[in-house]
Amino acid sequence: MLREWSPGVQAELRAIEASAERARLALACVFSCSEEFEAARIRDRVERLSARLIGQMQIVLGATSLVGLAAFLVVLAELF
């Protein structure tokens, strides 16, 4: 059995539905179809992921360089 909603609750529900419709229309103005929206989301995720991976690779490269330099200095010290 369905409940009867009070007029205040009904007004709130209508306001929420209107807000959701405005949000859909605003999104439709930016992207002409859902495929464009999904492509934009994927591009954004790839850009964020690649930026994070590049940062991690720079840390690994720096650490590897320091270890290589330390090993070179140890070998050089053994020769002299």
C-alpha atoms as a PDB file:
ATOM      1  CA  MET A   1       0.000   0.000   0.000  1.00  0.00           C
ATOM      2  CA  LEU A   2       1.306   3.414  -0.930  1.00  0.00           C
ATOM      3  CA  ARG A   3       1.705   6.081   1.703  1.00  0.00           C
ATOM      4  CA  GLU A   4       0.259   9.504   1.263  1.00  0.00           C
ATOM      5  CA  TRP A   5       3.006  12.092   1.413  1.00  0.00           C
ATOM      6  CA  SER A   6       2.486  15.367   3.178  1.00  0.00           C
ATOM      7  CA  PRO A   7       2.380  18.494   0.977  1.00  0.00           C
ATOM      8  CA  GLY A   8       5.782  19.603   2.325  1.00  0.00           C
ATOM      9  CA  VAL A   9       7.408  16.295   1.368  1.00  0.00           C
ATOM     10  CA  GLN A  10       5.764  16.378  -2.047  1.00  0.00           C
ATOM     11  CA  ALA A  11       7.109  19.899  -2.621  1.00  0.00           C
ATOM     12  CA  GLU A  12      10.596  18.767  -1.602  1.00  0.00           C
ATOM     13  CA  LEU A  13      10.425  15.820  -3.991  1.00  0.00           C
ATOM     14  CA  ARG A  14       9.346  18.073  -6.854  1.00  0.00           C
ATOM     15  CA  ALA A  15      12.189  20.468  -6.048  1.00  0.00           C
ATOM     16  CA  ILE A  16      14.700  17.601  -6.067  1.00  0.00           C
ATOM     17  CA  GLU A  17      13.345  16.309  -9.370  1.00  0.00           C
ATOM     18  CA  ALA A  18      13.546  19.798 -10.884  1.00  0.00           C
ATOM     19  CA  SER A  19      17.109  20.164  -9.639  1.00  0.00           C
ATOM     20  CA  ALA A  20      18.062  16.810 -11.161  1.00  0.00           C
ATOM     21  CA  GLU A  21      16.492  17.833 -14.477  1.00  0.00           C
ATOM     22  CA  ARG A  22      18.444  21.117 -14.471  1.00  0.00           C
ATOM     23  CA  ALA A  23      21.636  19.179 -13.787  1.00  0.00           C
ATOM     24  CA  ARG A  24      20.909  16.841 -16.701  1.00  0.00           C
ATOM     25  CA  LEU A  25      20.278  19.807 -18.980  1.00  0.00           C
ATOM     26  CA  ALA A  26      23.485  21.510 -17.853  1.00  0.00           C
ATOM     27  CA  LEU A  27      25.434  18.349 -18.569  1.00  0.00           C
ATOM     28  CA  ALA A  28      23.753  18.018 -21.962  1.00  0.00           C
ATOM     29  CA  CYS A  29      24.976  21.510 -22.865  1.00  0.00           C
ATOM     30  CA  VAL A  30      28.585  20.506 -22.291  1.00  0.00           C
ATOM     31  CA  PHE A  31      28.446  17.072 -23.921  1.00  0.00           C
ATOM     32  CA  SER A  32      26.211  16.367 -26.889  1.00  0.00           C
ATOM     33  CA  CYS A  33      25.964  12.648 -26.108  1.00  0.00           C
ATOM     34  CA  SER A  34      26.820  10.172 -23.405  1.00  0.00           C
ATOM     35  CA  GLU A  35      29.708   8.792 -25.470  1.00  0.00           C
ATOM     36  CA  GLU A  36      31.437  12.190 -25.354  1.00  0.00           C
ATOM     37  CA  PHE A  37      30.868  12.361 -21.609  1.00  0.00           C
ATOM     38  CA  GLU A  38      32.321   8.884 -21.086  1.00  0.00           C
ATOM     39  CA  ALA A  39      35.279   9.697 -23.339  1.00  0.00           C
ATOM     40  CA  ALA A  40      35.965  12.833 -21.314  1.00  0.00           C
ATOM     41  CA  ARG A  41      35.815  10.861 -18.071  1.00  0.00           C
ATOM     42  CA  ILE A  42      38.226   8.262 -19.457  1.00  0.00           C
ATOM     43  CA  ARG A  43      40.636  10.969 -20.681  1.00  0.00           C
ATOM     44  CA  ASP A  44      40.570  12.585 -17.254  1.00  0.00           C
ATOM     45  CA  ARG A  45      41.294   9.282 -15.504  1.00  0.00           C
ATOM     46  CA  VAL A  46      44.148   8.478 -17.905  1.00  0.00           C
ATOM     47  CA  GLU A  47      45.696  11.927 -17.398  1.00  0.00           C
ATOM     48  CA  ARG A  48      45.521  11.628 -13.608  1.00  0.00           C
ATOM     49  CA  LEU A  49      46.909   8.077 -13.689  1.00  0.00           C
ATOM     50  CA  SER A  50      49.757   8.969 -16.052  1.00  0.00           C
ATOM     51  CA  ALA A  51      50.725  11.968 -13.912  1.00  0.00           C
ATOM     52  CA  ARG A  52      50.867   9.746 -10.835  1.00  0.00           C
ATOM     53  CA  LEU A  53      52.848   7.044 -12.646  1.00  0.00           C
ATOM     54  CA  ILE A  54      55.342   9.573 -13.994  1.00  0.00           C
ATOM     55  CA  GLY A  55      55.885  10.852 -10.451  1.00  0.00           C
ATOM     56  CA  GLN A  56      56.456   7.323  -9.188  1.00  0.00           C
ATOM     57  CA  MET A  57      58.837   6.555 -12.054  1.00  0.00           C
ATOM     58  CA  GLN A  58      60.848   9.689 -11.261  1.00  0.00           C
ATOM     59  CA  ILE A  59      61.257   8.512  -7.665  1.00  0.00           C
ATOM     60  CA  VAL A  60      62.404   5.057  -8.800  1.00  0.00           C
ATOM     61  CA  LEU A  61      64.783   6.560 -11.346  1.00  0.00           C
ATOM     62  CA  GLY A  62      66.256   8.894  -8.729  1.00  0.00           C
ATOM     63  CA  ALA A  63      66.744   6.081  -6.220  1.00  0.00           C
ATOM     64  CA  THR A  64      68.320   3.850  -8.872  1.00  0.00           C
ATOM     65  CA  SER A  65      70.682   6.645  -9.876  1.00  0.00           C
ATOM     66  CA  LEU A  66      71.764   7.174  -6.278  1.00  0.00           C
ATOM     67  CA  VAL A  67      72.406   3.450  -5.776  1.00  0.00           C
ATOM     68  CA  GLY A  68      74.383   3.314  -9.039  1.00  0.00           C
ATOM     69  CA  LEU A  69      76.445   6.332  -8.016  1.00  0.00           C
ATOM     70  CA  ALA A  70      77.123   4.808  -4.605  1.00  0.00           C
ATOM     71  CA  ALA A  71      78.219   1.524  -6.205  1.00  0.00           C
ATOM     72  CA  PHE A  72      80.489   3.438  -8.606  1.00  0.00           C
ATOM     73  CA  LEU A  73      82.081   5.319  -5.710  1.00  0.00           C
ATOM     74  CA  VAL A  74      82.676   2.080  -3.790  1.00  0.00           C
ATOM     75  CA  VAL A  75      84.373   0.516  -6.815  1.00  0.00           C
ATOM     76  CA  LEU A  76      86.378   3.678  -7.396  1.00  0.00           C
ATOM     77  CA  ALA A  77      87.485   3.736  -3.729  1.00  0.00           C
ATOM     78  CA  GLU A  78      88.645   0.110  -3.985  1.00  0.00           C
ATOM     79  CA  LEU A  79      90.854   0.960  -6.956  1.00  0.00           C
ATOM     80  CA  PHE A  80      92.707   3.753  -5.119  1.00  0.00           C
END
